[in-house]
N, C-alpha and C. Protein backbone atom coordinates (compact mmCIF):
# COMPACT_ATOMS: atom_id res chain seq x y z
N MET A 1 14.97 -79.63 -51.34
CA MET A 1 14.44 -78.16 -51.30
C MET A 1 13.38 -77.88 -51.77
N CYS A 2 12.16 -77.50 -50.93
CA CYS A 2 10.98 -77.09 -51.36
C CYS A 2 10.84 -75.59 -52.21
N MET A 3 10.30 -75.40 -53.07
CA MET A 3 10.34 -74.25 -53.92
C MET A 3 8.85 -73.77 -53.57
N TYR A 4 8.68 -72.57 -52.95
CA TYR A 4 7.38 -72.01 -52.43
C TYR A 4 6.88 -71.21 -53.59
N SER A 5 5.57 -71.57 -54.14
CA SER A 5 5.16 -70.94 -55.15
C SER A 5 3.69 -70.24 -55.19
N GLU A 6 3.28 -70.50 -53.80
CA GLU A 6 1.84 -70.08 -53.40
C GLU A 6 1.88 -68.80 -52.51
N ARG A 7 1.15 -67.81 -52.73
CA ARG A 7 0.99 -66.59 -51.82
C ARG A 7 -0.18 -66.72 -51.11
N PHE A 8 -0.17 -66.27 -49.87
CA PHE A 8 -1.24 -66.29 -49.11
C PHE A 8 -1.34 -64.93 -48.52
N GLN A 9 -2.29 -64.21 -48.13
CA GLN A 9 -2.32 -62.91 -47.46
C GLN A 9 -3.17 -63.20 -45.97
N ILE A 10 -2.62 -62.89 -45.17
CA ILE A 10 -3.22 -62.86 -43.91
C ILE A 10 -3.40 -61.52 -43.00
N LEU A 11 -4.31 -61.29 -42.15
CA LEU A 11 -4.38 -60.03 -41.44
C LEU A 11 -4.25 -60.53 -40.22
N LEU A 12 -3.14 -59.71 -39.37
CA LEU A 12 -3.06 -59.94 -38.01
C LEU A 12 -3.09 -58.62 -37.09
N THR A 13 -3.33 -59.08 -35.93
CA THR A 13 -3.24 -57.91 -35.01
C THR A 13 -1.82 -57.20 -34.80
N PRO A 14 -1.75 -56.17 -34.25
CA PRO A 14 -0.51 -55.51 -34.11
C PRO A 14 0.38 -56.46 -33.02
N TYR A 15 -0.40 -56.82 -31.80
CA TYR A 15 0.23 -57.96 -31.10
C TYR A 15 0.65 -59.26 -31.61
N GLN A 16 -0.10 -59.72 -32.65
CA GLN A 16 0.38 -61.10 -33.22
C GLN A 16 1.51 -60.67 -33.98
N ARG A 17 1.58 -59.77 -34.78
CA ARG A 17 2.81 -59.46 -35.60
C ARG A 17 4.02 -59.18 -34.83
N ARG A 18 3.91 -58.42 -33.69
CA ARG A 18 5.15 -57.98 -32.79
C ARG A 18 5.39 -59.38 -32.33
N HIS A 19 4.64 -60.31 -31.84
CA HIS A 19 5.03 -61.51 -31.19
C HIS A 19 5.74 -62.35 -32.05
N LEU A 20 5.02 -62.45 -33.37
CA LEU A 20 5.77 -63.25 -34.40
C LEU A 20 7.26 -62.68 -34.83
N GLN A 21 7.33 -61.21 -34.85
CA GLN A 21 8.76 -60.89 -34.94
C GLN A 21 9.73 -60.97 -33.89
N GLU A 22 9.26 -60.95 -32.85
CA GLU A 22 10.11 -60.96 -31.71
C GLU A 22 10.30 -62.74 -31.62
N GLU A 23 9.64 -63.70 -31.85
CA GLU A 23 9.93 -64.93 -31.87
C GLU A 23 10.82 -65.21 -33.03
N ALA A 24 10.50 -64.87 -34.01
CA ALA A 24 11.42 -65.06 -35.30
C ALA A 24 12.97 -64.47 -35.12
N LYS A 25 13.06 -63.33 -34.35
CA LYS A 25 14.35 -62.80 -33.97
C LYS A 25 15.17 -63.77 -32.92
N ARG A 26 14.25 -64.21 -32.10
CA ARG A 26 14.94 -65.12 -31.14
C ARG A 26 15.26 -66.26 -31.79
N ARG A 27 14.67 -66.82 -32.65
CA ARG A 27 15.12 -68.15 -33.40
C ARG A 27 15.98 -67.90 -34.28
N GLY A 28 16.27 -66.63 -34.69
CA GLY A 28 17.14 -66.51 -35.79
C GLY A 28 16.72 -66.88 -37.30
N THR A 29 15.42 -66.68 -37.48
CA THR A 29 14.46 -67.21 -38.64
C THR A 29 13.72 -66.03 -39.07
N SER A 30 12.91 -66.07 -40.06
CA SER A 30 11.97 -65.23 -40.59
C SER A 30 10.69 -65.31 -40.13
N VAL A 31 9.72 -64.25 -40.28
CA VAL A 31 8.56 -64.48 -39.70
C VAL A 31 7.78 -65.60 -40.60
N THR A 32 8.02 -65.57 -41.93
CA THR A 32 7.38 -66.50 -42.97
C THR A 32 7.75 -67.71 -42.69
N ALA A 33 9.05 -67.96 -42.30
CA ALA A 33 9.32 -69.62 -41.95
C ALA A 33 8.67 -70.03 -40.68
N LEU A 34 8.55 -69.00 -39.81
CA LEU A 34 7.75 -69.47 -38.66
C LEU A 34 6.36 -69.58 -38.91
N ILE A 35 5.59 -68.98 -39.58
CA ILE A 35 4.44 -69.40 -39.83
C ILE A 35 4.15 -70.49 -40.68
N ARG A 36 5.03 -70.82 -41.76
CA ARG A 36 4.99 -72.12 -42.26
C ARG A 36 5.22 -73.34 -41.47
N GLU A 37 6.21 -72.95 -40.64
CA GLU A 37 6.63 -74.26 -39.55
C GLU A 37 5.12 -74.23 -38.62
N ALA A 38 4.61 -73.32 -38.45
CA ALA A 38 3.35 -73.33 -37.27
C ALA A 38 2.16 -73.73 -38.17
N VAL A 39 2.02 -73.79 -39.32
CA VAL A 39 1.13 -74.33 -40.39
C VAL A 39 1.36 -75.82 -40.26
N ASP A 40 2.61 -76.29 -40.60
CA ASP A 40 2.94 -77.70 -40.88
C ASP A 40 2.60 -78.34 -39.48
N GLN A 41 3.29 -77.78 -38.52
CA GLN A 41 2.90 -78.36 -37.22
C GLN A 41 1.26 -78.65 -36.80
N HIS A 42 0.55 -77.73 -37.09
CA HIS A 42 -1.08 -77.89 -36.92
C HIS A 42 -1.50 -78.79 -37.93
N LEU A 43 -0.88 -79.03 -38.94
CA LEU A 43 -1.75 -79.67 -40.05
C LEU A 43 -1.07 -81.28 -39.85
N GLY A 44 0.13 -81.41 -39.04
CA GLY A 44 0.80 -82.70 -38.74
C GLY A 44 1.57 -83.04 -39.95
N VAL A 45 2.11 -81.98 -40.57
CA VAL A 45 3.13 -82.22 -41.61
C VAL A 45 4.52 -82.39 -41.10
N ILE A 46 5.16 -83.72 -41.64
CA ILE A 46 6.61 -83.81 -41.37
C ILE A 46 7.52 -83.38 -42.42
N PRO A 47 8.54 -82.49 -41.96
CA PRO A 47 9.44 -81.80 -43.12
C PRO A 47 9.98 -82.92 -43.62
N GLU A 48 10.35 -82.62 -45.18
CA GLU A 48 11.04 -83.74 -45.90
C GLU A 48 12.40 -84.05 -45.02
N GLY A 49 13.02 -83.07 -44.62
CA GLY A 49 14.52 -83.44 -43.96
C GLY A 49 14.26 -84.39 -42.95
N ASP A 50 13.43 -84.20 -41.96
CA ASP A 50 13.14 -85.14 -40.94
C ASP A 50 12.58 -86.36 -41.38
N ARG A 51 11.79 -86.58 -42.38
CA ARG A 51 11.48 -87.94 -42.98
C ARG A 51 12.79 -88.49 -43.38
N LYS A 52 13.52 -87.79 -44.06
CA LYS A 52 15.02 -88.50 -44.63
C LYS A 52 15.79 -88.79 -43.56
N ARG A 53 15.99 -88.10 -42.42
CA ARG A 53 16.92 -88.57 -41.41
C ARG A 53 16.26 -89.71 -40.66
N ALA A 54 14.88 -89.87 -40.79
CA ALA A 54 14.37 -91.07 -39.88
C ALA A 54 14.55 -92.27 -40.71
N TYR A 55 14.35 -92.17 -42.04
CA TYR A 55 14.48 -93.25 -42.86
C TYR A 55 15.98 -93.57 -42.86
N ARG A 56 16.93 -92.82 -42.93
CA ARG A 56 18.46 -93.22 -42.68
C ARG A 56 18.47 -93.78 -41.57
N SER A 57 18.18 -93.42 -40.27
CA SER A 57 18.19 -94.00 -39.01
C SER A 57 17.60 -95.33 -39.06
N ILE A 58 16.60 -95.73 -39.59
CA ILE A 58 15.88 -97.03 -39.58
C ILE A 58 16.85 -98.00 -40.51
N ILE A 59 17.03 -97.29 -41.65
CA ILE A 59 18.04 -98.33 -42.43
C ILE A 59 19.37 -98.67 -41.76
N ALA A 60 19.96 -97.73 -40.96
CA ALA A 60 21.30 -97.90 -40.33
C ALA A 60 21.05 -98.95 -39.35
N ARG A 61 20.00 -99.10 -38.61
CA ARG A 61 19.83 -100.36 -37.57
C ARG A 61 20.01 -101.49 -38.04
N GLN A 62 19.43 -101.62 -39.28
CA GLN A 62 19.28 -103.21 -39.82
C GLN A 62 18.57 -104.08 -38.62
N ALA A 63 17.38 -103.40 -38.31
CA ALA A 63 16.71 -104.11 -37.27
C ALA A 63 15.86 -105.14 -37.82
N ARG A 64 15.27 -105.92 -37.02
CA ARG A 64 14.44 -106.89 -37.58
C ARG A 64 12.80 -106.33 -37.15
N PHE A 65 12.11 -106.25 -38.28
CA PHE A 65 10.79 -105.94 -38.22
C PHE A 65 9.59 -106.96 -37.80
N VAL A 66 8.44 -106.46 -37.37
CA VAL A 66 7.38 -107.44 -36.94
C VAL A 66 6.44 -107.03 -37.72
N SER A 67 5.39 -108.03 -37.66
CA SER A 67 4.20 -107.74 -38.50
C SER A 67 3.14 -107.01 -37.30
N PRO A 68 2.19 -106.44 -37.85
CA PRO A 68 1.40 -105.84 -37.15
C PRO A 68 0.66 -106.94 -36.08
N ASP A 69 0.40 -108.20 -36.15
CA ASP A 69 0.02 -108.92 -35.40
C ASP A 69 1.05 -109.44 -34.26
N GLN A 70 2.15 -109.54 -34.69
CA GLN A 70 3.19 -109.81 -33.73
C GLN A 70 3.35 -108.63 -32.80
N LEU A 71 3.45 -107.43 -33.22
CA LEU A 71 3.34 -106.20 -32.59
C LEU A 71 2.37 -106.18 -31.56
N ASP A 72 1.09 -106.65 -31.86
CA ASP A 72 -0.19 -106.76 -30.80
C ASP A 72 0.28 -107.67 -29.71
N ASP A 73 0.81 -108.79 -30.22
CA ASP A 73 1.15 -109.87 -29.22
C ASP A 73 2.20 -109.28 -28.39
N LEU A 74 3.18 -108.39 -28.80
CA LEU A 74 4.13 -107.95 -27.76
C LEU A 74 3.66 -107.01 -26.82
N VAL A 75 2.82 -106.28 -27.51
CA VAL A 75 2.27 -105.00 -26.53
C VAL A 75 1.35 -105.84 -25.42
N GLU A 76 0.49 -106.75 -25.79
CA GLU A 76 -0.45 -107.45 -24.82
C GLU A 76 0.51 -108.33 -23.96
N GLY A 77 1.57 -108.61 -24.24
CA GLY A 77 2.43 -109.63 -23.35
C GLY A 77 2.28 -111.13 -23.67
N ARG A 78 1.82 -111.36 -25.02
CA ARG A 78 1.59 -112.54 -25.33
C ARG A 78 3.04 -113.06 -26.23
N PHE A 79 3.79 -113.59 -25.46
CA PHE A 79 5.02 -113.97 -26.31
C PHE A 79 5.13 -115.40 -26.56
N GLU A 80 5.67 -115.70 -27.71
CA GLU A 80 5.85 -117.01 -28.13
C GLU A 80 7.17 -117.60 -28.06
């Protein structure tokens, strides 16, 4: 779990605030959580929970991994 320790103040138009409040209510979350999510999405941040789920999924598959060169060959259709 992440501990939030940084405070940041922004000014919004009444429309933006109302829209954020309506969306947060629709999703059952807070406006601040909605804003943090939007910032993460914009910056390309992957939430820790998503990273852990992806890692567990990859490990559970016990798949064979290929090198980047082998992957290029597969994509280009050059099979050996």
